[in-house]
């Protein structure tokens, strides 16, 4: 696992030198799309994806939509690839039985109170969900560029702090597809956090868009109000977590960023604890990181829950429900 390259955020000598390899990436994607045979699932598929590699906040949006649909009387199931999962066949996640090695950190986090299926093959996963007979909609976490499964509605998530980076395709930049190609696959765009990169201006005016922010749990923030904090995170955009702590008024005395999905070793954790003891600080991390910690280290680490707040979230849910209804009536 590696951290998101810094050169993805700007155009420089490294990104320019890697640009020819981006052409190979684009060609490989075009060949795959040309020969792909698309399948239509029995249930409506709501895709929550993005056009860039790295974290944009897809998982909190998936949880937000799941909980909202449940409240509205729907019976959703989450379909996720399960990054790093050991399984090669569809698996219903049970937090009491499965570990991150079985299903991945994001799947384990989502499965607290939700129905989550990990499936490397999205078509097979959608089929398993429909055969279960108790669900009426699939929320697919990631997979917007997957050409093998048809989407009823696609929601593209952008991190406002990084946008599309330097605008190059992988490996020269963070884009999985060009922005122009990516937005053609979107029905809705959601900008997560302050739009520091002005991504909204780069989107077609005809594309429905929403803005969201991640709000830290106030009870946890209050409990940490007078406590020096050593924060650590191994997520797509660790800077966003550290910025959240600062914005909440926490006394952040030190922080360490790891690669997304970083598997914490005993050496990592001992180092963190030693730094925290030297600084007289409390270890604090994200929910996604916390589920990757051994049980004894979870007891020593404060997890900061966050809740997604979407401007006019009711309208977003209404759009999703309209797409579900249109699929059911087709």
C-alpha atoms as a PDB file:
ATOM      1  CA  UNK A   1       0.000   0.000   0.000  1.00  0.00           C
ATOM      2  CA  UNK A   2       1.273   3.490  -0.880  1.00  0.00           C
ATOM      3  CA  UNK A   3       0.076   6.949  -0.017  1.00  0.00           C
ATOM      4  CA  UNK A   4      -1.673   9.052  -2.626  1.00  0.00           C
ATOM      5  CA  UNK A   5       1.263  10.603  -4.562  1.00  0.00           C
ATOM      6  CA  UNK A   6       1.742  14.296  -3.894  1.00  0.00           C
ATOM      7  CA  UNK A   7       2.469  14.936  -7.583  1.00  0.00           C
ATOM      8  CA  UNK A   8      -1.132  13.933  -8.389  1.00  0.00           C
ATOM      9  CA  UNK A   9      -2.143  17.347  -7.050  1.00  0.00           C
ATOM     10  CA  UNK A  10      -0.107  19.391  -9.528  1.00  0.00           C
ATOM     11  CA  UNK A  11       1.547  19.147 -12.924  1.00  0.00           C
ATOM     12  CA  UNK A  12       5.304  18.812 -12.680  1.00  0.00           C
ATOM     13  CA  UNK A  13       8.214  16.838 -14.042  1.00  0.00           C
ATOM     14  CA  UNK A  14       7.094  13.522 -12.530  1.00  0.00           C
ATOM     15  CA  UNK A  15       3.526  13.718 -13.823  1.00  0.00           C
ATOM     16  CA  UNK A  16       4.741  14.828 -17.259  1.00  0.00           C
ATOM     17  CA  UNK A  17       7.175  11.903 -17.465  1.00  0.00           C
ATOM     18  CA  UNK A  18       4.428   9.464 -16.479  1.00  0.00           C
ATOM     19  CA  UNK A  19       1.874  10.900 -18.889  1.00  0.00           C
ATOM     20  CA  UNK A  20       2.680   8.417 -21.728  1.00  0.00           C
ATOM     21  CA  UNK A  21       1.758   5.579 -19.356  1.00  0.00           C
ATOM     22  CA  UNK A  22      -1.623   7.247 -18.879  1.00  0.00           C
ATOM     23  CA  UNK A  23      -2.261   6.616 -22.571  1.00  0.00           C
ATOM     24  CA  UNK A  24      -1.739   2.904 -21.934  1.00  0.00           C
ATOM     25  CA  UNK A  25      -4.217   3.075 -19.046  1.00  0.00           C
ATOM     26  CA  UNK A  26      -6.752   4.822 -21.300  1.00  0.00           C
ATOM     27  CA  UNK A  27      -6.250   2.265 -24.090  1.00  0.00           C
ATOM     28  CA  UNK A  28      -6.653  -0.676 -21.705  1.00  0.00           C
ATOM     29  CA  UNK A  29      -9.867   0.826 -20.321  1.00  0.00           C
ATOM     30  CA  UNK A  30     -11.223   1.423 -23.820  1.00  0.00           C
ATOM     31  CA  UNK A  31     -10.506  -2.176 -24.852  1.00  0.00           C
ATOM     32  CA  UNK A  32     -12.176  -3.543 -21.721  1.00  0.00           C
ATOM     33  CA  UNK A  33     -15.260  -1.370 -22.236  1.00  0.00           C
ATOM     34  CA  UNK A  34     -15.496  -2.337 -25.905  1.00  0.00           C
ATOM     35  CA  UNK A  35     -15.560  -6.056 -25.230  1.00  0.00           C
ATOM     36  CA  UNK A  36     -17.528  -5.954 -21.957  1.00  0.00           C
ATOM     37  CA  UNK A  37     -20.965  -7.532 -21.952  1.00  0.00           C
ATOM     38  CA  UNK A  38     -23.203  -5.509 -19.673  1.00  0.00           C
ATOM     39  CA  UNK A  39     -25.674  -7.248 -17.376  1.00  0.00           C
ATOM     40  CA  UNK A  40     -28.853  -5.749 -15.919  1.00  0.00           C
ATOM     41  CA  UNK A  41     -29.608  -6.719 -12.322  1.00  0.00           C
ATOM     42  CA  UNK A  42     -33.091  -7.747 -11.242  1.00  0.00           C
ATOM     43  CA  UNK A  43     -33.062  -5.011  -8.598  1.00  0.00           C
ATOM     44  CA  UNK A  44     -32.344  -1.312  -9.137  1.00  0.00           C
ATOM     45  CA  UNK A  45     -28.644  -0.499  -8.695  1.00  0.00           C
ATOM     46  CA  UNK A  46     -27.728   2.869  -7.189  1.00  0.00           C
ATOM     47  CA  UNK A  47     -24.008   3.402  -7.745  1.00  0.00           C
ATOM     48  CA  UNK A  48     -21.999   5.650  -5.449  1.00  0.00           C
ATOM     49  CA  UNK A  49     -18.672   6.155  -7.213  1.00  0.00           C
ATOM     50  CA  UNK A  50     -16.062   8.641  -8.330  1.00  0.00           C
ATOM     51  CA  UNK A  51     -13.735   9.454 -11.204  1.00  0.00           C
ATOM     52  CA  UNK A  52     -10.538   9.533  -9.145  1.00  0.00           C
ATOM     53  CA  UNK A  53      -8.448   7.039  -7.234  1.00  0.00           C
ATOM     54  CA  UNK A  54      -8.265   7.652  -3.507  1.00  0.00           C
ATOM     55  CA  UNK A  55     -10.892   8.574  -0.967  1.00  0.00           C
ATOM     56  CA  UNK A  56     -13.669  11.016  -1.783  1.00  0.00           C
ATOM     57  CA  UNK A  57     -16.207   9.963   0.871  1.00  0.00           C
ATOM     58  CA  UNK A  58     -18.157   7.259  -0.955  1.00  0.00           C
ATOM     59  CA  UNK A  59     -18.613   5.097   2.134  1.00  0.00           C
ATOM     60  CA  UNK A  60     -20.301   7.780   4.312  1.00  0.00           C
ATOM     61  CA  UNK A  61     -22.608   8.624   1.399  1.00  0.00           C
ATOM     62  CA  UNK A  62     -23.496   4.944   1.021  1.00  0.00           C
ATOM     63  CA  UNK A  63     -24.303   4.714   4.736  1.00  0.00           C
ATOM     64  CA  UNK A  64     -26.365   7.932   4.541  1.00  0.00           C
ATOM     65  CA  UNK A  65     -28.469   6.622   1.660  1.00  0.00           C
ATOM     66  CA  UNK A  66     -28.906   3.181   3.239  1.00  0.00           C
ATOM     67  CA  UNK A  67     -30.166   4.623   6.512  1.00  0.00           C
ATOM     68  CA  UNK A  68     -32.448   7.085   4.726  1.00  0.00           C
ATOM     69  CA  UNK A  69     -33.955   4.395   2.507  1.00  0.00           C
ATOM     70  CA  UNK A  70     -34.537   2.147   5.517  1.00  0.00           C
ATOM     71  CA  UNK A  71     -36.396   4.966   7.253  1.00  0.00           C
ATOM     72  CA  UNK A  72     -38.514   5.413   4.119  1.00  0.00           C
ATOM     73  CA  UNK A  73     -39.543   1.752   4.170  1.00  0.00           C
ATOM     74  CA  UNK A  74     -37.155   0.315   1.596  1.00  0.00           C
ATOM     75  CA  UNK A  75     -35.055  -2.816   2.140  1.00  0.00           C
ATOM     76  CA  UNK A  76     -31.624  -1.949   0.735  1.00  0.00           C
ATOM     77  CA  UNK A  77     -28.474  -4.033   0.572  1.00  0.00           C
ATOM     78  CA  UNK A  78     -24.958  -2.697   0.079  1.00  0.00           C
ATOM     79  CA  UNK A  79     -22.769  -4.292  -2.588  1.00  0.00           C
ATOM     80  CA  UNK A  80     -19.051  -3.616  -2.160  1.00  0.00           C
ATOM     81  CA  UNK A  81     -15.917  -5.091  -3.659  1.00  0.00           C
ATOM     82  CA  UNK A  82     -14.165  -5.313  -0.295  1.00  0.00           C
ATOM     83  CA  UNK A  83     -10.687  -3.908  -0.801  1.00  0.00           C
ATOM     84  CA  UNK A  84      -8.094  -6.423   0.417  1.00  0.00           C
ATOM     85  CA  UNK A  85     -10.733  -9.057   1.255  1.00  0.00           C
ATOM     86  CA  UNK A  86      -9.632 -12.680   1.215  1.00  0.00           C
ATOM     87  CA  UNK A  87     -12.917 -13.928  -0.217  1.00  0.00           C
ATOM     88  CA  UNK A  88     -13.282 -14.735  -3.898  1.00  0.00           C
ATOM     89  CA  UNK A  89     -17.016 -15.447  -3.710  1.00  0.00           C
ATOM     90  CA  UNK A  90     -19.936 -13.322  -2.451  1.00  0.00           C
ATOM     91  CA  UNK A  91     -19.963 -13.021   1.356  1.00  0.00           C
ATOM     92  CA  UNK A  92     -22.605 -11.519   3.647  1.00  0.00           C
ATOM     93  CA  UNK A  93     -20.639  -9.600   6.272  1.00  0.00           C
ATOM     94  CA  UNK A  94     -21.206 -10.395   9.936  1.00  0.00           C
ATOM     95  CA  UNK A  95     -19.163  -8.088  12.212  1.00  0.00           C
ATOM     96  CA  UNK A  96     -19.361 -10.641  15.022  1.00  0.00           C
ATOM     97  CA  UNK A  97     -17.703 -13.311  12.887  1.00  0.00           C
ATOM     98  CA  UNK A  98     -15.664 -11.605  10.191  1.00  0.00           C
ATOM     99  CA  UNK A  99     -12.491  -9.541  10.303  1.00  0.00           C
ATOM    100  CA  UNK A 100     -10.997  -7.021   7.908  1.00  0.00           C
ATOM    101  CA  UNK A 101      -8.980  -9.891   6.413  1.00  0.00           C
ATOM    102  CA  UNK A 102     -12.251 -11.555   5.448  1.00  0.00           C
ATOM    103  CA  UNK A 103     -14.105  -8.577   4.007  1.00  0.00           C
ATOM    104  CA  UNK A 104     -12.061  -5.365   4.149  1.00  0.00           C
ATOM    105  CA  UNK A 105     -12.266  -2.360   6.470  1.00  0.00           C
ATOM    106  CA  UNK A 106     -14.992  -0.396   4.660  1.00  0.00           C
ATOM    107  CA  UNK A 107     -17.312  -3.393   4.444  1.00  0.00           C
ATOM    108  CA  UNK A 108     -16.828  -4.176   8.133  1.00  0.00           C
ATOM    109  CA  UNK A 109     -17.546  -0.561   9.081  1.00  0.00           C
ATOM    110  CA  UNK A 110     -20.680  -0.395   6.922  1.00  0.00           C
ATOM    111  CA  UNK A 111     -21.977  -3.719   8.255  1.00  0.00           C
ATOM    112  CA  UNK A 112     -22.694  -2.329  11.720  1.00  0.00           C
ATOM    113  CA  UNK A 113     -26.499  -2.464  11.541  1.00  0.00           C
ATOM    114  CA  UNK A 114     -26.634  -2.796   7.750  1.00  0.00           C
ATOM    115  CA  UNK A 115     -26.855  -5.634   5.210  1.00  0.00           C
ATOM    116  CA  UNK A 116     -23.548  -5.724   3.327  1.00  0.00           C
ATOM    117  CA  UNK A 117     -22.417  -8.170   0.662  1.00  0.00           C
ATOM    118  CA  UNK A 118     -18.765  -8.321  -0.375  1.00  0.00           C
ATOM    119  CA  UNK A 119     -18.334  -9.544  -3.937  1.00  0.00           C
ATOM    120  CA  UNK A 120     -15.303  -9.092  -6.208  1.00  0.00           C
ATOM    121  CA  UNK A 121     -17.656  -9.854  -9.123  1.00  0.00           C
ATOM    122  CA  UNK A 122     -20.363  -7.171  -8.994  1.00  0.00           C
ATOM    123  CA  UNK A 123     -22.703  -9.043 -11.363  1.00  0.00           C
ATOM    124  CA  UNK A 124     -22.544 -12.194  -9.242  1.00  0.00           C
ATOM    125  CA  UNK A 125     -23.015 -10.110  -6.095  1.00  0.00           C
ATOM    126  CA  UNK A 126     -26.111  -8.371  -7.451  1.00  0.00           C
ATOM    127  CA  UNK A 127     -27.549 -11.788  -8.360  1.00  0.00           C
ATOM    128  CA  UNK A 128     -26.954 -13.115  -4.826  1.00  0.00           C
ATOM    129  CA  UNK A 129     -28.704 -10.082  -3.330  1.00  0.00           C
ATOM    130  CA  UNK A 130     -31.754 -10.497  -5.581  1.00  0.00           C
ATOM    131  CA  UNK A 131     -31.951 -14.243  -4.869  1.00  0.00           C
ATOM    132  CA  UNK A 132     -32.052 -13.559  -1.126  1.00  0.00           C
ATOM    133  CA  UNK A 133     -35.584 -12.280  -1.707  1.00  0.00           C
ATOM    134  CA  UNK A 134     -35.729  -9.673   1.065  1.00  0.00           C
ATOM    135  CA  UNK A 135     -34.169  -6.637  -0.633  1.00  0.00           C
ATOM    136  CA  UNK A 136     -35.628  -4.172  -3.118  1.00  0.00           C
ATOM    137  CA  UNK A 137     -32.625  -1.972  -3.968  1.00  0.00           C
ATOM    138  CA  UNK A 138     -28.846  -2.350  -4.255  1.00  0.00           C
ATOM    139  CA  UNK A 139     -26.482   0.409  -3.138  1.00  0.00           C
ATOM    140  CA  UNK A 140     -23.196  -0.246  -4.923  1.00  0.00           C
ATOM    141  CA  UNK A 141     -20.206   1.331  -3.189  1.00  0.00           C
ATOM    142  CA  UNK A 142     -17.768   2.198  -6.023  1.00  0.00           C
ATOM    143  CA  UNK A 143     -17.834   0.585  -9.458  1.00  0.00           C
ATOM    144  CA  UNK A 144     -18.907   3.543 -11.593  1.00  0.00           C
ATOM    145  CA  UNK A 145     -16.345   2.519 -14.224  1.00  0.00           C
ATOM    146  CA  UNK A 146     -17.365  -1.155 -14.066  1.00  0.00           C
ATOM    147  CA  UNK A 147     -18.728  -1.887 -17.568  1.00  0.00           C
ATOM    148  CA  UNK A 148     -20.240  -5.258 -16.675  1.00  0.00           C
ATOM    149  CA  UNK A 149     -23.225  -4.128 -14.625  1.00  0.00           C
ATOM    150  CA  UNK A 150     -25.892  -1.592 -15.575  1.00  0.00           C
ATOM    151  CA  UNK A 151     -26.641   1.222 -13.127  1.00  0.00           C
ATOM    152  CA  UNK A 152     -30.102   2.612 -12.478  1.00  0.00           C
ATOM    153  CA  UNK A 153     -28.649   5.823 -11.022  1.00  0.00           C
ATOM    154  CA  UNK A 154     -25.029   6.928 -10.645  1.00  0.00           C
ATOM    155  CA  UNK A 155     -23.873   9.417  -8.024  1.00  0.00           C
ATOM    156  CA  UNK A 156     -20.364  10.773  -8.501  1.00  0.00           C
ATOM    157  CA  UNK A 157     -18.528  11.929  -5.370  1.00  0.00           C
ATOM    158  CA  UNK A 158     -15.842  14.635  -5.490  1.00  0.00           C
ATOM    159  CA  UNK A 159     -13.567  15.669  -2.628  1.00  0.00           C
ATOM    160  CA  UNK A 160     -13.730  19.453  -2.720  1.00  0.00           C
ATOM    161  CA  UNK A 161     -10.243  19.797  -1.246  1.00  0.00           C
ATOM    162  CA  UNK A 162      -8.478  17.931  -4.064  1.00  0.00           C
ATOM    163  CA  UNK A 163     -11.009  17.920  -6.917  1.00  0.00           C
ATOM    164  CA  UNK A 164      -9.475  16.111  -9.889  1.00  0.00           C
ATOM    165  CA  UNK A 165      -5.905  16.895  -8.892  1.00  0.00           C
ATOM    166  CA  UNK A 166      -3.652  17.643 -11.838  1.00  0.00           C
ATOM    167  CA  UNK A 167      -6.277  16.391 -14.289  1.00  0.00           C
ATOM    168  CA  UNK A 168      -4.151  13.526 -15.641  1.00  0.00           C
ATOM    169  CA  UNK A 169      -5.127   9.869 -15.855  1.00  0.00           C
ATOM    170  CA  UNK A 170      -3.495   7.177 -13.695  1.00  0.00           C
ATOM    171  CA  UNK A 171      -0.520   6.881 -13.131  1.00  0.00           C
ATOM    172  CA  UNK A 172       0.373  10.489 -14.007  1.00  0.00           C
ATOM    173  CA  UNK A 173      -2.640  11.754 -12.058  1.00  0.00           C
ATOM    174  CA  UNK A 174      -5.598  10.544  -9.994  1.00  0.00           C
ATOM    175  CA  UNK A 175      -8.221  10.244 -12.737  1.00  0.00           C
ATOM    176  CA  UNK A 176      -9.588   6.796 -13.581  1.00  0.00           C
ATOM    177  CA  UNK A 177     -11.242   8.289 -16.666  1.00  0.00           C
ATOM    178  CA  UNK A 178     -11.239  11.785 -18.093  1.00  0.00           C
ATOM    179  CA  UNK A 179     -13.567  14.215 -16.332  1.00  0.00           C
ATOM    180  CA  UNK A 180     -15.579  14.676 -19.538  1.00  0.00           C
ATOM    181  CA  UNK A 181     -16.054  10.922 -19.875  1.00  0.00           C
ATOM    182  CA  UNK A 182     -16.723  10.463 -16.165  1.00  0.00           C
ATOM    183  CA  UNK A 183     -19.499  13.031 -15.863  1.00  0.00           C
ATOM    184  CA  UNK A 184     -21.325  11.411 -18.785  1.00  0.00           C
ATOM    185  CA  UNK A 185     -21.839   8.384 -16.524  1.00  0.00           C
ATOM    186  CA  UNK A 186     -23.179  10.486 -13.653  1.00  0.00           C
ATOM    187  CA  UNK A 187     -26.771  11.403 -12.970  1.00  0.00           C
ATOM    188  CA  UNK A 188     -25.845  13.339  -9.827  1.00  0.00           C
ATOM    189  CA  UNK A 189     -22.637  14.944  -8.555  1.00  0.00           C
ATOM    190  CA  UNK A 190     -21.960  15.371  -4.849  1.00  0.00           C
ATOM    191  CA  UNK A 191     -19.122  17.610  -3.669  1.00  0.00           C
ATOM    192  CA  UNK A 192     -17.795  16.543  -0.281  1.00  0.00           C
ATOM    193  CA  UNK A 193     -16.365  19.351   1.851  1.00  0.00           C
ATOM    194  CA  UNK A 194     -15.523  22.931   0.908  1.00  0.00           C
ATOM    195  CA  UNK A 195     -15.052  23.301  -2.838  1.00  0.00           C
ATOM    196  CA  UNK A 196     -11.486  24.621  -2.564  1.00  0.00           C
ATOM    197  CA  UNK A 197     -10.645  23.468  -6.103  1.00  0.00           C
ATOM    198  CA  UNK A 198     -13.789  24.948  -7.691  1.00  0.00           C
ATOM    199  CA  UNK A 199     -14.802  21.586  -9.101  1.00  0.00           C
ATOM    200  CA  UNK A 200     -18.387  22.838  -9.405  1.00  0.00           C
ATOM    201  CA  UNK A 201     -17.330  25.188 -12.203  1.00  0.00           C
ATOM    202  CA  UNK A 202     -15.872  22.243 -14.139  1.00  0.00           C
ATOM    203  CA  UNK A 203     -19.147  20.297 -14.104  1.00  0.00           C
ATOM    204  CA  UNK A 204     -21.892  20.664 -16.725  1.00  0.00           C
ATOM    205  CA  UNK A 205     -24.609  23.078 -15.611  1.00  0.00           C
ATOM    206  CA  UNK A 206     -27.193  20.423 -16.493  1.00  0.00           C
ATOM    207  CA  UNK A 207     -25.770  17.956 -13.951  1.00  0.00           C
ATOM    208  CA  UNK A 208     -27.729  17.831 -10.679  1.00  0.00           C
ATOM    209  CA  UNK A 209     -25.378  18.525  -7.801  1.00  0.00           C
ATOM    210  CA  UNK A 210     -25.354  18.523  -4.015  1.00  0.00           C
ATOM    211  CA  UNK A 211     -22.854  19.588  -1.370  1.00  0.00           C
ATOM    212  CA  UNK A 212     -21.971  17.583   1.732  1.00  0.00           C
ATOM    213  CA  UNK A 213     -19.775  17.826   4.804  1.00  0.00           C
ATOM    214  CA  UNK A 214     -18.613  15.404   7.447  1.00  0.00           C
ATOM    215  CA  UNK A 215     -19.520  16.525  10.963  1.00  0.00           C
ATOM    216  CA  UNK A 216     -17.561  15.065  13.897  1.00  0.00           C
ATOM    217  CA  UNK A 217     -19.474  13.615  16.813  1.00  0.00           C
ATOM    218  CA  UNK A 218     -19.846  16.496  19.247  1.00  0.00           C
ATOM    219  CA  UNK A 219     -19.880  14.302  22.363  1.00  0.00           C
ATOM    220  CA  UNK A 220     -16.454  12.921  21.447  1.00  0.00           C
ATOM    221  CA  UNK A 221     -15.149  16.394  20.600  1.00  0.00           C
ATOM    222  CA  UNK A 222     -16.354  17.743  23.961  1.00  0.00           C
ATOM    223  CA  UNK A 223     -14.659  14.866  25.785  1.00  0.00           C
ATOM    224  CA  UNK A 224     -11.374  15.741  24.054  1.00  0.00           C
ATOM    225  CA  UNK A 225     -11.677  19.496  24.538  1.00  0.00           C
ATOM    226  CA  UNK A 226      -8.789  19.898  26.990  1.00  0.00           C
ATOM    227  CA  UNK A 227      -6.748  16.909  25.827  1.00  0.00           C
ATOM    228  CA  UNK A 228      -3.608  17.038  23.668  1.00  0.00           C
ATOM    229  CA  UNK A 229      -4.234  14.790  20.654  1.00  0.00           C
ATOM    230  CA  UNK A 230      -2.006  12.648  18.482  1.00  0.00           C
ATOM    231  CA  UNK A 231      -4.104  11.813  15.444  1.00  0.00           C
ATOM    232  CA  UNK A 232      -3.331   9.134  12.881  1.00  0.00           C
ATOM    233  CA  UNK A 233      -5.166   8.009   9.769  1.00  0.00           C
ATOM    234  CA  UNK A 234      -4.707   5.618   6.877  1.00  0.00           C
ATOM    235  CA  UNK A 235      -7.476   6.761   4.554  1.00  0.00           C
ATOM    236  CA  UNK A 236      -7.623   8.219   1.050  1.00  0.00           C
ATOM    237  CA  UNK A 237      -7.257  11.806   2.265  1.00  0.00           C
ATOM    238  CA  UNK A 238      -5.773  11.839   5.810  1.00  0.00           C
ATOM    239  CA  UNK A 239      -5.424  15.636   5.667  1.00  0.00           C
ATOM    240  CA  UNK A 240      -9.210  15.899   5.709  1.00  0.00           C
ATOM    241  CA  UNK A 241      -9.364  14.088   9.062  1.00  0.00           C
ATOM    242  CA  UNK A 242      -6.688  16.271  10.617  1.00  0.00           C
ATOM    243  CA  UNK A 243      -8.414  19.387   9.296  1.00  0.00           C
ATOM    244  CA  UNK A 244     -11.684  18.214  10.851  1.00  0.00           C
ATOM    245  CA  UNK A 245     -10.000  17.973  14.274  1.00  0.00           C
ATOM    246  CA  UNK A 246      -8.486  21.435  13.954  1.00  0.00           C
ATOM    247  CA  UNK A 247     -11.763  22.952  12.778  1.00  0.00           C
ATOM    248  CA  UNK A 248     -13.511  21.396  15.782  1.00  0.00           C
ATOM    249  CA  UNK A 249     -11.075  23.200  18.088  1.00  0.00           C
ATOM    250  CA  UNK A 250      -9.103  20.148  19.202  1.00  0.00           C
ATOM    251  CA  UNK A 251      -5.569  20.500  20.534  1.00  0.00           C
ATOM    252  CA  UNK A 252      -3.793  18.590  17.767  1.00  0.00           C
ATOM    253  CA  UNK A 253      -0.162  18.357  18.871  1.00  0.00           C
ATOM    254  CA  UNK A 254       0.987  15.778  16.330  1.00  0.00           C
ATOM    255  CA  UNK A 255      -0.372  13.707  13.476  1.00  0.00           C
ATOM    256  CA  UNK A 256       0.747  10.840  11.260  1.00  0.00           C
ATOM    257  CA  UNK A 257      -0.623   9.902   7.842  1.00  0.00           C
ATOM    258  CA  UNK A 258      -0.510   6.347   6.515  1.00  0.00           C
ATOM    259  CA  UNK A 259      -1.508   4.833   3.183  1.00  0.00           C
ATOM    260  CA  UNK A 260      -5.172   4.080   2.533  1.00  0.00           C
ATOM    261  CA  UNK A 261      -6.178   0.709   4.070  1.00  0.00           C
ATOM    262  CA  UNK A 262      -2.818   0.573   5.885  1.00  0.00           C
ATOM    263  CA  UNK A 263      -2.481  -2.669   7.920  1.00  0.00           C
ATOM    264  CA  UNK A 264      -1.179  -1.464  11.276  1.00  0.00           C
ATOM    265  CA  UNK A 265       1.716  -3.540  12.567  1.00  0.00           C
ATOM    266  CA  UNK A 266       2.760  -3.872  16.179  1.00  0.00           C
ATOM    267  CA  UNK A 267       5.761  -1.692  15.330  1.00  0.00           C
ATOM    268  CA  UNK A 268       3.464   1.047  14.004  1.00  0.00           C
ATOM    269  CA  UNK A 269       1.296   0.961  17.085  1.00  0.00           C
ATOM    270  CA  UNK A 270       4.153   0.907  19.582  1.00  0.00           C
ATOM    271  CA  UNK A 271       5.663   3.897  17.793  1.00  0.00           C
ATOM    272  CA  UNK A 272       2.347   5.737  17.986  1.00  0.00           C
ATOM    273  CA  UNK A 273       1.985   4.977  21.675  1.00  0.00           C
ATOM    274  CA  UNK A 274       5.541   6.062  22.453  1.00  0.00           C
ATOM    275  CA  UNK A 275       5.004   9.353  20.604  1.00  0.00           C
ATOM    276  CA  UNK A 276       1.720   9.886  22.435  1.00  0.00           C
ATOM    277  CA  UNK A 277       3.327   9.223  25.830  1.00  0.00           C
ATOM    278  CA  UNK A 278       6.199  11.586  25.049  1.00  0.00           C
ATOM    279  CA  UNK A 279       3.732  14.332  24.123  1.00  0.00           C
ATOM    280  CA  UNK A 280       1.238  13.540  26.870  1.00  0.00           C
ATOM    281  CA  UNK A 281      -1.354  13.016  24.145  1.00  0.00           C
ATOM    282  CA  UNK A 282      -4.359  10.805  23.476  1.00  0.00           C
ATOM    283  CA  UNK A 283      -4.365   8.633  20.352  1.00  0.00           C
ATOM    284  CA  UNK A 284      -7.314   9.493  18.081  1.00  0.00           C
ATOM    285  CA  UNK A 285      -8.233   7.957  14.726  1.00  0.00           C
ATOM    286  CA  UNK A 286     -11.051   7.434  12.223  1.00  0.00           C
ATOM    287  CA  UNK A 287     -13.702   4.723  12.275  1.00  0.00           C
ATOM    288  CA  UNK A 288     -12.162   3.141   9.200  1.00  0.00           C
ATOM    289  CA  UNK A 289      -8.750   2.964  10.904  1.00  0.00           C
ATOM    290  CA  UNK A 290     -10.165   1.856  14.237  1.00  0.00           C
ATOM    291  CA  UNK A 291     -11.683  -1.328  12.791  1.00  0.00           C
ATOM    292  CA  UNK A 292      -8.211  -2.279  11.519  1.00  0.00           C
ATOM    293  CA  UNK A 293      -6.675  -2.123  14.999  1.00  0.00           C
ATOM    294  CA  UNK A 294      -6.187  -5.212  17.194  1.00  0.00           C
ATOM    295  CA  UNK A 295      -8.679  -5.362  20.078  1.00  0.00           C
ATOM    296  CA  UNK A 296      -6.136  -4.356  22.733  1.00  0.00           C
ATOM    297  CA  UNK A 297      -5.165  -1.252  20.740  1.00  0.00           C
ATOM    298  CA  UNK A 298      -8.763  -0.237  20.176  1.00  0.00           C
ATOM    299  CA  UNK A 299      -9.079   0.149  23.943  1.00  0.00           C
ATOM    300  CA  UNK A 300      -6.195   2.639  23.951  1.00  0.00           C
ATOM    301  CA  UNK A 301      -7.420   4.678  20.995  1.00  0.00           C
ATOM    302  CA  UNK A 302     -10.325   7.116  20.761  1.00  0.00           C
ATOM    303  CA  UNK A 303     -12.358   6.789  17.579  1.00  0.00           C
ATOM    304  CA  UNK A 304     -13.973   9.938  16.205  1.00  0.00           C
ATOM    305  CA  UNK A 305     -17.329   9.110  14.576  1.00  0.00           C
ATOM    306  CA  UNK A 306     -18.521  11.446  11.837  1.00  0.00           C
ATOM    307  CA  UNK A 307     -21.968  12.036  10.384  1.00  0.00           C
ATOM    308  CA  UNK A 308     -22.636  13.100   6.827  1.00  0.00           C
ATOM    309  CA  UNK A 309     -24.625  16.283   6.371  1.00  0.00           C
ATOM    310  CA  UNK A 310     -25.943  16.964   2.865  1.00  0.00           C
ATOM    311  CA  UNK A 311     -27.403  20.272   1.789  1.00  0.00           C
ATOM    312  CA  UNK A 312     -30.981  19.385   0.867  1.00  0.00           C
ATOM    313  CA  UNK A 313     -30.397  15.711   1.620  1.00  0.00           C
ATOM    314  CA  UNK A 314     -34.132  15.150   1.346  1.00  0.00           C
ATOM    315  CA  UNK A 315     -33.974  16.126  -2.329  1.00  0.00           C
ATOM    316  CA  UNK A 316     -31.113  13.677  -2.914  1.00  0.00           C
ATOM    317  CA  UNK A 317     -33.093  10.855  -1.325  1.00  0.00           C
ATOM    318  CA  UNK A 318     -36.125  11.874  -3.409  1.00  0.00           C
ATOM    319  CA  UNK A 319     -34.042  11.571  -6.592  1.00  0.00           C
ATOM    320  CA  UNK A 320     -32.850   8.135  -5.513  1.00  0.00           C
ATOM    321  CA  UNK A 321     -36.386   6.990  -4.669  1.00  0.00           C
ATOM    322  CA  UNK A 322     -37.632   8.269  -8.048  1.00  0.00           C
ATOM    323  CA  UNK A 323     -34.981   6.178  -9.810  1.00  0.00           C
ATOM    324  CA  UNK A 324     -35.950   3.106  -7.788  1.00  0.00           C
ATOM    325  CA  UNK A 325     -39.618   3.618  -8.621  1.00  0.00           C
ATOM    326  CA  UNK A 326     -38.859   4.079 -12.327  1.00  0.00           C
ATOM    327  CA  UNK A 327     -36.907   0.808 -12.372  1.00  0.00           C
ATOM    328  CA  UNK A 328     -39.660  -1.062 -10.571  1.00  0.00           C
ATOM    329  CA  UNK A 329     -42.286   0.246 -12.986  1.00  0.00           C
ATOM    330  CA  UNK A 330     -40.269  -0.421 -16.133  1.00  0.00           C
END
